[in-house]
PDB file of all heavy atoms in Angstrom:
ATOM      1  N   VAL A   1     127.744  96.344  92.401  1.00  0.00           N
ATOM      2  CA  VAL A   1     128.798  95.420  92.874  1.00  0.00           C
ATOM      3  C   VAL A   1     129.501  95.915  94.000  1.00  0.00           C
ATOM      4  O   VAL A   1     129.750  97.133  94.126  1.00  0.00           O
ATOM      5  CB  VAL A   1     129.821  95.475  91.607  1.00  0.00           C
ATOM      6  CG1 VAL A   1     131.009  94.542  92.062  1.00  0.00           C
ATOM      7  CG2 VAL A   1     129.194  94.850  90.366  1.00  0.00           C
ATOM      8  N   ALA A   2     129.651  95.055  94.990  1.00  0.00           N
ATOM      9  CA  ALA A   2     130.245  95.466  96.287  1.00  0.00           C
ATOM     10  C   ALA A   2     131.561  94.966  96.458  1.00  0.00           C
ATOM     11  O   ALA A   2     131.897  93.821  95.900  1.00  0.00           O
ATOM     12  CB  ALA A   2     129.314  94.812  97.362  1.00  0.00           C
ATOM     13  N   SER A   3     132.434  95.793  97.110  1.00  0.00           N
ATOM     14  CA  SER A   3     133.743  95.336  97.309  1.00  0.00           C
ATOM     15  C   SER A   3     133.876  94.554  98.537  1.00  0.00           C
ATOM     16  O   SER A   3     132.972  94.484  99.385  1.00  0.00           O
ATOM     17  CB  SER A   3     134.722  96.535  97.450  1.00  0.00           C
ATOM     18  OG  SER A   3     134.377  97.270  98.540  1.00  0.00           O
ATOM     19  N   GLY A   4     135.059  93.926  98.869  1.00  0.00           N
ATOM     20  CA  GLY A   4     135.260  93.211  99.982  1.00  0.00           C
ATOM     21  C   GLY A   4     134.638  91.719  99.963  1.00  0.00           C
ATOM     22  O   GLY A   4     134.133  91.364  98.875  1.00  0.00           O
ATOM     23  N   ASN A   5     134.570  91.152 100.950  1.00  0.00           N
ATOM     24  CA  ASN A   5     134.050  89.814 101.098  1.00  0.00           C
ATOM     25  C   ASN A   5     132.853  89.489 101.988  1.00  0.00           C
ATOM     26  O   ASN A   5     132.831  88.473 102.460  1.00  0.00           O
ATOM     27  CB  ASN A   5     135.196  88.823 101.328  1.00  0.00           C
ATOM     28  CG  ASN A   5     135.922  89.075 102.699  1.00  0.00           C
ATOM     29  OD1 ASN A   5     135.549  89.961 103.405  1.00  0.00           O
ATOM     30  ND2 ASN A   5     136.893  88.315 102.972  1.00  0.00           N
ATOM     31  N   MET A   6     132.293  90.641 102.461  1.00  0.00           N
ATOM     32  CA  MET A   6     131.296  90.552 103.375  1.00  0.00           C
ATOM     33  C   MET A   6     129.823  90.560 102.691  1.00  0.00           C
ATOM     34  O   MET A   6     128.899  90.341 103.560  1.00  0.00           O
ATOM     35  CB  MET A   6     131.300  91.700 104.254  1.00  0.00           C
ATOM     36  CG  MET A   6     132.621  91.732 105.168  1.00  0.00           C
ATOM     37  SD  MET A   6     132.844  90.321 106.124  1.00  0.00           S
ATOM     38  CE  MET A   6     131.586  90.631 107.477  1.00  0.00           C
ATOM     39  N   PHE A   7     129.725  90.656 101.438  1.00  0.00           N
ATOM     40  CA  PHE A   7     128.377  90.886 100.838  1.00  0.00           C
ATOM     41  C   PHE A   7     127.452  89.829 101.131  1.00  0.00           C
ATOM     42  O   PHE A   7     126.285  90.015 101.550  1.00  0.00           O
ATOM     43  CB  PHE A   7     128.674  90.851  99.259  1.00  0.00           C
ATOM     44  CG  PHE A   7     127.302  90.995  98.499  1.00  0.00           C
ATOM     45  CD1 PHE A   7     126.803  92.292  98.220  1.00  0.00           C
ATOM     46  CD2 PHE A   7     126.735  89.893  98.006  1.00  0.00           C
ATOM     47  CE1 PHE A   7     125.693  92.412  97.488  1.00  0.00           C
ATOM     48  CE2 PHE A   7     125.557  90.011  97.078  1.00  0.00           C
ATOM     49  CZ  PHE A   7     125.109  91.347  96.981  1.00  0.00           C
ATOM     50  N   SER A   8     127.925  88.540 101.150  1.00  0.00           N
ATOM     51  CA  SER A   8     126.920  87.414 101.319  1.00  0.00           C
ATOM     52  C   SER A   8     126.427  87.357 102.759  1.00  0.00           C
ATOM     53  O   SER A   8     125.429  86.619 103.096  1.00  0.00           O
ATOM     54  CB  SER A   8     127.655  86.118 101.078  1.00  0.00           C
ATOM     55  OG  SER A   8     128.778  85.774 101.848  1.00  0.00           O
ATOM     56  N   MET A   9     127.034  88.126 103.664  1.00  0.00           N
ATOM     57  CA  MET A   9     126.545  88.150 105.108  1.00  0.00           C
ATOM     58  C   MET A   9     125.581  89.244 105.395  1.00  0.00           C
ATOM     59  O   MET A   9     125.142  89.421 106.582  1.00  0.00           O
ATOM     60  CB  MET A   9     127.751  88.141 105.952  1.00  0.00           C
ATOM     61  CG  MET A   9     128.607  86.967 105.789  1.00  0.00           C
ATOM     62  SD  MET A   9     130.195  87.137 106.900  1.00  0.00           S
ATOM     63  CE  MET A   9     129.507  86.978 108.535  1.00  0.00           C
ATOM     64  N   TYR A  10     125.311  90.150 104.315  1.00  0.00           N
ATOM     65  CA  TYR A  10     124.428  91.297 104.561  1.00  0.00           C
ATOM     66  C   TYR A  10     123.088  91.255 104.013  1.00  0.00           C
ATOM     67  O   TYR A  10     122.924  90.786 102.829  1.00  0.00           O
ATOM     68  CB  TYR A  10     125.191  92.421 104.026  1.00  0.00           C
ATOM     69  CG  TYR A  10     126.504  92.903 104.767  1.00  0.00           C
ATOM     70  CD1 TYR A  10     127.502  93.610 104.062  1.00  0.00           C
ATOM     71  CD2 TYR A  10     126.754  92.577 106.039  1.00  0.00           C
ATOM     72  CE1 TYR A  10     128.743  93.959 104.610  1.00  0.00           C
ATOM     73  CE2 TYR A  10     127.855  93.078 106.721  1.00  0.00           C
ATOM     74  CZ  TYR A  10     128.818  93.784 106.078  1.00  0.00           C
ATOM     75  OH  TYR A  10     129.961  94.127 106.715  1.00  0.00           O
ATOM     76  N   THR A  11     122.149  91.879 104.604  1.00  0.00           N
ATOM     77  CA  THR A  11     120.787  92.254 103.957  1.00  0.00           C
ATOM     78  C   THR A  11     121.193  93.560 103.205  1.00  0.00           C
ATOM     79  O   THR A  11     121.795  94.498 103.720  1.00  0.00           O
ATOM     80  CB  THR A  11     119.856  92.513 105.048  1.00  0.00           C
ATOM     81  OG1 THR A  11     119.365  91.331 105.734  1.00  0.00           O
ATOM     82  CG2 THR A  11     118.530  93.174 104.396  1.00  0.00           C
ATOM     83  N   MET A  12     120.812  93.377 101.853  1.00  0.00           N
ATOM     84  CA  MET A  12     121.147  94.513 100.942  1.00  0.00           C
ATOM     85  C   MET A  12     119.881  95.133 100.520  1.00  0.00           C
ATOM     86  O   MET A  12     118.778  94.546 100.456  1.00  0.00           O
ATOM     87  CB  MET A  12     121.819  93.878  99.747  1.00  0.00           C
ATOM     88  CG  MET A  12     123.123  93.342 100.014  1.00  0.00           C
ATOM     89  SD  MET A  12     124.319  94.566 100.620  1.00  0.00           S
ATOM     90  CE  MET A  12     124.474  95.763  99.268  1.00  0.00           C
ATOM     91  N   VAL A  13     120.038  96.477 100.205  1.00  0.00           N
ATOM     92  CA  VAL A  13     118.802  97.394 100.031  1.00  0.00           C
ATOM     93  C   VAL A  13     119.033  98.230  98.808  1.00  0.00           C
ATOM     94  O   VAL A  13     120.142  98.666  98.515  1.00  0.00           O
ATOM     95  CB  VAL A  13     118.656  98.275 101.191  1.00  0.00           C
ATOM     96  CG1 VAL A  13     117.379  99.058 100.882  1.00  0.00           C
ATOM     97  CG2 VAL A  13     118.473  97.406 102.472  1.00  0.00           C
ATOM     98  N   TRP A  14     118.071  98.297  97.912  1.00  0.00           N
ATOM     99  CA  TRP A  14     117.995  99.368  96.946  1.00  0.00           C
ATOM    100  C   TRP A  14     117.282 100.567  97.460  1.00  0.00           C
ATOM    101  O   TRP A  14     116.217 100.492  98.031  1.00  0.00           O
ATOM    102  CB  TRP A  14     117.322  98.911  95.654  1.00  0.00           C
ATOM    103  CG  TRP A  14     118.227  98.114  94.871  1.00  0.00           C
ATOM    104  CD1 TRP A  14     118.168  96.640  94.634  1.00  0.00           C
ATOM    105  CD2 TRP A  14     119.282  98.487  93.947  1.00  0.00           C
ATOM    106  NE1 TRP A  14     119.191  96.385  93.756  1.00  0.00           N
ATOM    107  CE2 TRP A  14     119.805  97.307  93.268  1.00  0.00           C
ATOM    108  CE3 TRP A  14     119.756  99.759  93.546  1.00  0.00           C
ATOM    109  CZ2 TRP A  14     120.931  97.483  92.421  1.00  0.00           C
ATOM    110  CZ3 TRP A  14     120.810  99.851  92.687  1.00  0.00           C
ATOM    111  CH2 TRP A  14     121.382  98.671  92.060  1.00  0.00           C
ATOM    112  N   TYR A  15     117.830 101.880  97.189  1.00  0.00           N
ATOM    113  CA  TYR A  15     117.268 102.988  97.556  1.00  0.00           C
ATOM    114  C   TYR A  15     116.990 103.833  96.304  1.00  0.00           C
ATOM    115  O   TYR A  15     117.698 103.606  95.270  1.00  0.00           O
ATOM    116  CB  TYR A  15     117.968 103.810  98.566  1.00  0.00           C
ATOM    117  CG  TYR A  15     118.252 103.193  99.901  1.00  0.00           C
ATOM    118  CD1 TYR A  15     119.334 102.379 100.025  1.00  0.00           C
ATOM    119  CD2 TYR A  15     117.460 103.398 100.974  1.00  0.00           C
ATOM    120  CE1 TYR A  15     119.687 101.680 101.296  1.00  0.00           C
ATOM    121  CE2 TYR A  15     117.714 102.766 102.256  1.00  0.00           C
ATOM    122  CZ  TYR A  15     118.851 101.904 102.315  1.00  0.00           C
ATOM    123  OH  TYR A  15     119.092 101.352 103.645  1.00  0.00           O
ATOM    124  N   ARG A  16     116.259 104.851  96.403  1.00  0.00           N
ATOM    125  CA  ARG A  16     116.084 105.863  95.339  1.00  0.00           C
ATOM    126  C   ARG A  16     116.026 107.233  95.904  1.00  0.00           C
ATOM    127  O   ARG A  16     115.353 107.380  96.938  1.00  0.00           O
ATOM    128  CB  ARG A  16     115.149 105.547  94.146  1.00  0.00           C
ATOM    129  CG  ARG A  16     113.680 105.770  94.716  1.00  0.00           C
ATOM    130  CD  ARG A  16     112.772 105.302  93.593  1.00  0.00           C
ATOM    131  NE  ARG A  16     111.312 105.595  94.022  1.00  0.00           N
ATOM    132  CZ  ARG A  16     110.284 105.160  93.233  1.00  0.00           C
ATOM    133  NH1 ARG A  16     110.548 104.474  92.168  1.00  0.00           N
ATOM    134  NH2 ARG A  16     109.165 105.536  93.542  1.00  0.00           N
ATOM    135  N   GLN A  17     116.382 108.217  95.205  1.00  0.00           N
ATOM    136  CA  GLN A  17     116.258 109.591  95.529  1.00  0.00           C
ATOM    137  C   GLN A  17     115.937 110.520  94.402  1.00  0.00           C
ATOM    138  O   GLN A  17     116.530 110.605  93.421  1.00  0.00           O
ATOM    139  CB  GLN A  17     117.616 110.110  96.103  1.00  0.00           C
ATOM    140  CG  GLN A  17     117.570 111.524  96.675  1.00  0.00           C
ATOM    141  CD  GLN A  17     118.833 111.823  97.615  1.00  0.00           C
ATOM    142  OE1 GLN A  17     119.875 111.224  97.353  1.00  0.00           O
ATOM    143  NE2 GLN A  17     118.613 112.846  98.440  1.00  0.00           N
ATOM    144  N   HIS A  18     114.573 111.074  94.568  1.00  0.00           N
ATOM    145  CA  HIS A  18     114.072 111.996  93.616  1.00  0.00           C
ATOM    146  C   HIS A  18     114.749 113.339  93.916  1.00  0.00           C
ATOM    147  O   HIS A  18     115.144 113.664  94.959  1.00  0.00           O
ATOM    148  CB  HIS A  18     112.612 112.158  93.726  1.00  0.00           C
ATOM    149  CG  HIS A  18     111.858 110.996  93.388  1.00  0.00           C
ATOM    150  ND1 HIS A  18     111.541 109.984  94.428  1.00  0.00           N
ATOM    151  CD2 HIS A  18     111.209 110.455  92.275  1.00  0.00           C
ATOM    152  CE1 HIS A  18     110.800 108.964  93.821  1.00  0.00           C
ATOM    153  NE2 HIS A  18     110.725 109.251  92.638  1.00  0.00           N
ATOM    154  N   SER A  19     114.981 114.086  92.820  1.00  0.00           N
ATOM    155  CA  SER A  19     115.616 115.415  92.962  1.00  0.00           C
ATOM    156  C   SER A  19     114.883 116.146  94.027  1.00  0.00           C
ATOM    157  O   SER A  19     113.723 116.454  94.133  1.00  0.00           O
ATOM    158  CB  SER A  19     115.531 116.120  91.654  1.00  0.00           C
ATOM    159  OG  SER A  19     116.097 117.341  91.724  1.00  0.00           O
ATOM    160  N   GLY A  20     115.731 116.677  94.976  1.00  0.00           N
ATOM    161  CA  GLY A  20     115.266 117.539  96.072  1.00  0.00           C
ATOM    162  C   GLY A  20     114.537 116.853  97.165  1.00  0.00           C
ATOM    163  O   GLY A  20     113.914 117.535  98.106  1.00  0.00           O
ATOM    164  N   ARG A  21     114.453 115.449  97.159  1.00  0.00           N
ATOM    165  CA  ARG A  21     113.828 114.724  98.205  1.00  0.00           C
ATOM    166  C   ARG A  21     114.738 113.780  98.977  1.00  0.00           C
ATOM    167  O   ARG A  21     115.850 113.577  98.564  1.00  0.00           O
ATOM    168  CB  ARG A  21     112.608 114.082  97.668  1.00  0.00           C
ATOM    169  CG  ARG A  21     111.516 114.980  96.997  1.00  0.00           C
ATOM    170  CD  ARG A  21     110.431 114.218  96.066  1.00  0.00           C
ATOM    171  NE  ARG A  21     109.921 113.044  96.742  1.00  0.00           N
ATOM    172  CZ  ARG A  21     109.015 112.382  96.052  1.00  0.00           C
ATOM    173  NH1 ARG A  21     108.604 112.676  94.921  1.00  0.00           N
ATOM    174  NH2 ARG A  21     108.430 111.275  96.651  1.00  0.00           N
ATOM    175  N   GLN A  22     114.294 113.207  99.920  1.00  0.00           N
ATOM    176  CA  GLN A  22     115.133 112.373 100.723  1.00  0.00           C
ATOM    177  C   GLN A  22     115.151 110.927 100.030  1.00  0.00           C
ATOM    178  O   GLN A  22     114.228 110.502  99.333  1.00  0.00           O
ATOM    179  CB  GLN A  22     114.576 112.080 102.188  1.00  0.00           C
ATOM    180  CG  GLN A  22     114.697 113.375 103.060  1.00  0.00           C
ATOM    181  CD  GLN A  22     114.423 113.098 104.613  1.00  0.00           C
ATOM    182  OE1 GLN A  22     113.526 112.277 104.846  1.00  0.00           O
ATOM    183  NE2 GLN A  22     115.168 113.622 105.434  1.00  0.00           N
ATOM    184  N   ARG A  23     116.215 110.279 100.392  1.00  0.00           N
ATOM    185  CA  ARG A  23     116.412 108.962  99.918  1.00  0.00           C
ATOM    186  C   ARG A  23     115.343 108.028 100.512  1.00  0.00           C
ATOM    187  O   ARG A  23     114.906 108.079 101.559  1.00  0.00           O
ATOM    188  CB  ARG A  23     117.693 108.346 100.209  1.00  0.00           C
ATOM    189  CG  ARG A  23     118.249 107.339  99.443  1.00  0.00           C
ATOM    190  CD  ARG A  23     119.853 107.069  99.763  1.00  0.00           C
ATOM    191  NE  ARG A  23     120.593 108.091  99.248  1.00  0.00           N
ATOM    192  CZ  ARG A  23     121.875 108.331  99.461  1.00  0.00           C
ATOM    193  NH1 ARG A  23     122.456 107.564 100.329  1.00  0.00           N
ATOM    194  NH2 ARG A  23     122.448 109.382  98.872  1.00  0.00           N
ATOM    195  N   GLU A  24     114.810 107.050  99.620  1.00  0.00           N
ATOM    196  CA  GLU A  24     113.728 106.228 100.220  1.00  0.00           C
ATOM    197  C   GLU A  24     114.054 104.729  99.788  1.00  0.00           C
ATOM    198  O   GLU A  24     114.690 104.550  98.779  1.00  0.00           O
ATOM    199  CB  GLU A  24     112.362 106.564  99.564  1.00  0.00           C
ATOM    200  CG  GLU A  24     112.199 106.549  98.091  1.00  0.00           C
ATOM    201  CD  GLU A  24     110.866 107.043  97.532  1.00  0.00           C
ATOM    202  OE1 GLU A  24     110.001 107.470  98.374  1.00  0.00           O
ATOM    203  OE2 GLU A  24     110.658 107.107  96.263  1.00  0.00           O
ATOM    204  N   LEU A  25     113.604 103.869 100.656  1.00  0.00           N
ATOM    205  CA  LEU A  25     113.818 102.389 100.414  1.00  0.00           C
ATOM    206  C   LEU A  25     112.953 101.965  99.294  1.00  0.00           C
ATOM    207  O   LEU A  25     111.747 102.218  99.239  1.00  0.00           O
ATOM    208  CB  LEU A  25     113.552 101.597 101.661  1.00  0.00           C
ATOM    209  CG  LEU A  25     113.910 100.198 101.799  1.00  0.00           C
ATOM    210  CD1 LEU A  25     114.310  99.731 103.083  1.00  0.00           C
ATOM    211  CD2 LEU A  25     112.747  99.322 101.266  1.00  0.00           C
ATOM    212  N   VAL A  26     113.513 101.202  98.411  1.00  0.00           N
ATOM    213  CA  VAL A  26     112.779 100.533  97.217  1.00  0.00           C
ATOM    214  C   VAL A  26     112.420  99.048  97.522  1.00  0.00           C
ATOM    215  O   VAL A  26     111.342  98.599  97.410  1.00  0.00           O
ATOM    216  CB  VAL A  26     113.525 100.787  95.864  1.00  0.00           C
ATOM    217  CG1 VAL A  26     112.805 100.126  94.811  1.00  0.00           C
ATOM    218  CG2 VAL A  26     113.676 102.251  95.622  1.00  0.00           C
ATOM    219  N   ALA A  27     113.472  98.340  97.848  1.00  0.00           N
ATOM    220  CA  ALA A  27     113.386  96.904  97.959  1.00  0.00           C
ATOM    221  C   ALA A  27     114.655  96.448  98.834  1.00  0.00           C
ATOM    222  O   ALA A  27     115.683  97.076  98.803  1.00  0.00           O
ATOM    223  CB  ALA A  27     113.325  96.285  96.671  1.00  0.00           C
ATOM    224  N   SER A  28     114.569  95.292  99.511  1.00  0.00           N
ATOM    225  CA  SER A  28     115.522  94.722 100.331  1.00  0.00           C
ATOM    226  C   SER A  28     115.546  93.166 100.104  1.00  0.00           C
ATOM    227  O   SER A  28     114.514  92.612  99.791  1.00  0.00           O
ATOM    228  CB  SER A  28     115.460  95.130 101.815  1.00  0.00           C
ATOM    229  OG  SER A  28     114.220  94.529 102.280  1.00  0.00           O
ATOM    230  N   ILE A  29     116.777  92.608 100.415  1.00  0.00           N
ATOM    231  CA  ILE A  29     116.770  91.194 100.413  1.00  0.00           C
ATOM    232  C   ILE A  29     117.657  90.652 101.416  1.00  0.00           C
ATOM    233  O   ILE A  29     118.836  91.223 101.488  1.00  0.00           O
ATOM    234  CB  ILE A  29     117.189  90.787  98.842  1.00  0.00           C
ATOM    235  CG1 ILE A  29     117.322  89.228  98.851  1.00  0.00           C
ATOM    236  CG2 ILE A  29     118.551  91.273  98.545  1.00  0.00           C
ATOM    237  CD1 ILE A  29     117.465  88.644  97.439  1.00  0.00           C
ATOM    238  N   THR A  30     117.321  89.608 102.151  1.00  0.00           N
ATOM    239  CA  THR A  30     118.139  89.046 103.263  1.00  0.00           C
ATOM    240  C   THR A  30     119.187  88.118 102.731  1.00  0.00           C
ATOM    241  O   THR A  30     119.178  87.681 101.542  1.00  0.00           O
ATOM    242  CB  THR A  30     117.317  88.473 104.334  1.00  0.00           C
ATOM    243  OG1 THR A  30     116.703  87.349 103.729  1.00  0.00           O
ATOM    244  CG2 THR A  30     116.139  89.390 104.783  1.00  0.00           C
ATOM    245  N   ILE A  31     119.924  87.678 103.587  1.00  0.00           N
ATOM    246  CA  ILE A  31     121.029  86.707 103.114  1.00  0.00           C
ATOM    247  C   ILE A  31     120.375  85.444 102.894  1.00  0.00           C
ATOM    248  O   ILE A  31     120.883  84.614 101.980  1.00  0.00           O
ATOM    249  CB  ILE A  31     122.092  86.451 104.278  1.00  0.00           C
ATOM    250  CG1 ILE A  31     121.424  85.996 105.617  1.00  0.00           C
ATOM    251  CG2 ILE A  31     122.763  87.714 104.519  1.00  0.00           C
ATOM    252  CD1 ILE A  31     122.356  85.596 106.737  1.00  0.00           C
ATOM    253  N   GLY A  32     119.161  85.207 103.306  1.00  0.00           N
ATOM    254  CA  GLY A  32     118.456  83.926 103.053  1.00  0.00           C
ATOM    255  C   GLY A  32     117.534  84.112 101.829  1.00  0.00           C
ATOM    256  O   GLY A  32     116.779  83.204 101.285  1.00  0.00           O
ATOM    257  N   GLY A  33     117.577  85.265 101.180  1.00  0.00           N
ATOM    258  CA  GLY A  33     116.685  85.592  99.971  1.00  0.00           C
ATOM    259  C   GLY A  33     115.258  86.052 100.221  1.00  0.00           C
ATOM    260  O   GLY A  33     114.493  86.195  99.219  1.00  0.00           O
ATOM    261  N   THR A  34     114.926  86.349 101.454  1.00  0.00           N
ATOM    262  CA  THR A  34     113.683  86.986 101.742  1.00  0.00           C
ATOM    263  C   THR A  34     113.679  88.322 101.167  1.00  0.00           C
ATOM    264  O   THR A  34     114.523  89.177 101.550  1.00  0.00           O
ATOM    265  CB  THR A  34     113.262  86.984 103.248  1.00  0.00           C
ATOM    266  OG1 THR A  34     113.341  85.603 103.670  1.00  0.00           O
ATOM    267  CG2 THR A  34     111.926  87.706 103.443  1.00  0.00           C
ATOM    268  N   THR A  35     112.668  88.724 100.440  1.00  0.00           N
ATOM    269  CA  THR A  35     112.505  90.059  99.871  1.00  0.00           C
ATOM    270  C   THR A  35     111.416  90.882 100.442  1.00  0.00           C
ATOM    271  O   THR A  35     110.379  90.391 101.001  1.00  0.00           O
ATOM    272  CB  THR A  35     112.279  89.894  98.357  1.00  0.00           C
ATOM    273  OG1 THR A  35     111.157  89.227  98.074  1.00  0.00           O
ATOM    274  CG2 THR A  35     113.367  89.264  97.742  1.00  0.00           C
ATOM    275  N   HIS A  36     111.535  92.312 100.426  1.00  0.00           N
ATOM    276  CA  HIS A  36     110.623  93.190 100.852  1.00  0.00           C
ATOM    277  C   HIS A  36     110.574  94.354  99.790  1.00  0.00           C
ATOM    278  O   HIS A  36     111.579  94.746  99.290  1.00  0.00           O
ATOM    279  CB  HIS A  36     110.948  93.772 102.194  1.00  0.00           C
ATOM    280  CG  HIS A  36     110.069  94.903 102.603  1.00  0.00           C
ATOM    281  ND1 HIS A  36     108.923  94.832 102.961  1.00  0.00           N
ATOM    282  CD2 HIS A  36     110.422  96.292 102.547  1.00  0.00           C
ATOM    283  CE1 HIS A  36     108.364  96.088 103.205  1.00  0.00           C
ATOM    284  NE2 HIS A  36     109.370  96.973 102.973  1.00  0.00           N
ATOM    285  N   TYR A  37     109.351  94.774  99.550  1.00  0.00           N
ATOM    286  CA  TYR A  37     109.283  95.864  98.564  1.00  0.00           C
ATOM    287  C   TYR A  37     108.355  97.114  99.166  1.00  0.00           C
ATOM    288  O   TYR A  37     107.451  96.685  99.872  1.00  0.00           O
ATOM    289  CB  TYR A  37     108.637  95.335  97.242  1.00  0.00           C
ATOM    290  CG  TYR A  37     109.303  94.253  96.611  1.00  0.00           C
ATOM    291  CD1 TYR A  37     109.131  92.987  96.741  1.00  0.00           C
ATOM    292  CD2 TYR A  37     110.338  94.597  95.637  1.00  0.00           C
ATOM    293  CE1 TYR A  37     109.850  91.933  96.234  1.00  0.00           C
ATOM    294  CE2 TYR A  37     111.081  93.697  94.985  1.00  0.00           C
ATOM    295  CZ  TYR A  37     110.894  92.344  95.262  1.00  0.00           C
ATOM    296  OH  TYR A  37     111.562  91.252  94.704  1.00  0.00           O
TER     297      TYR A  37
END
């Protein structure tokens, strides 16, 4: 859940971080609903 009122204008991303490793991109979704995995 995001605060503010800008959420609908942003491409949003899920990341994950394994212990001791860098954060990595898992999936993204554009304002138009285009997804990437």
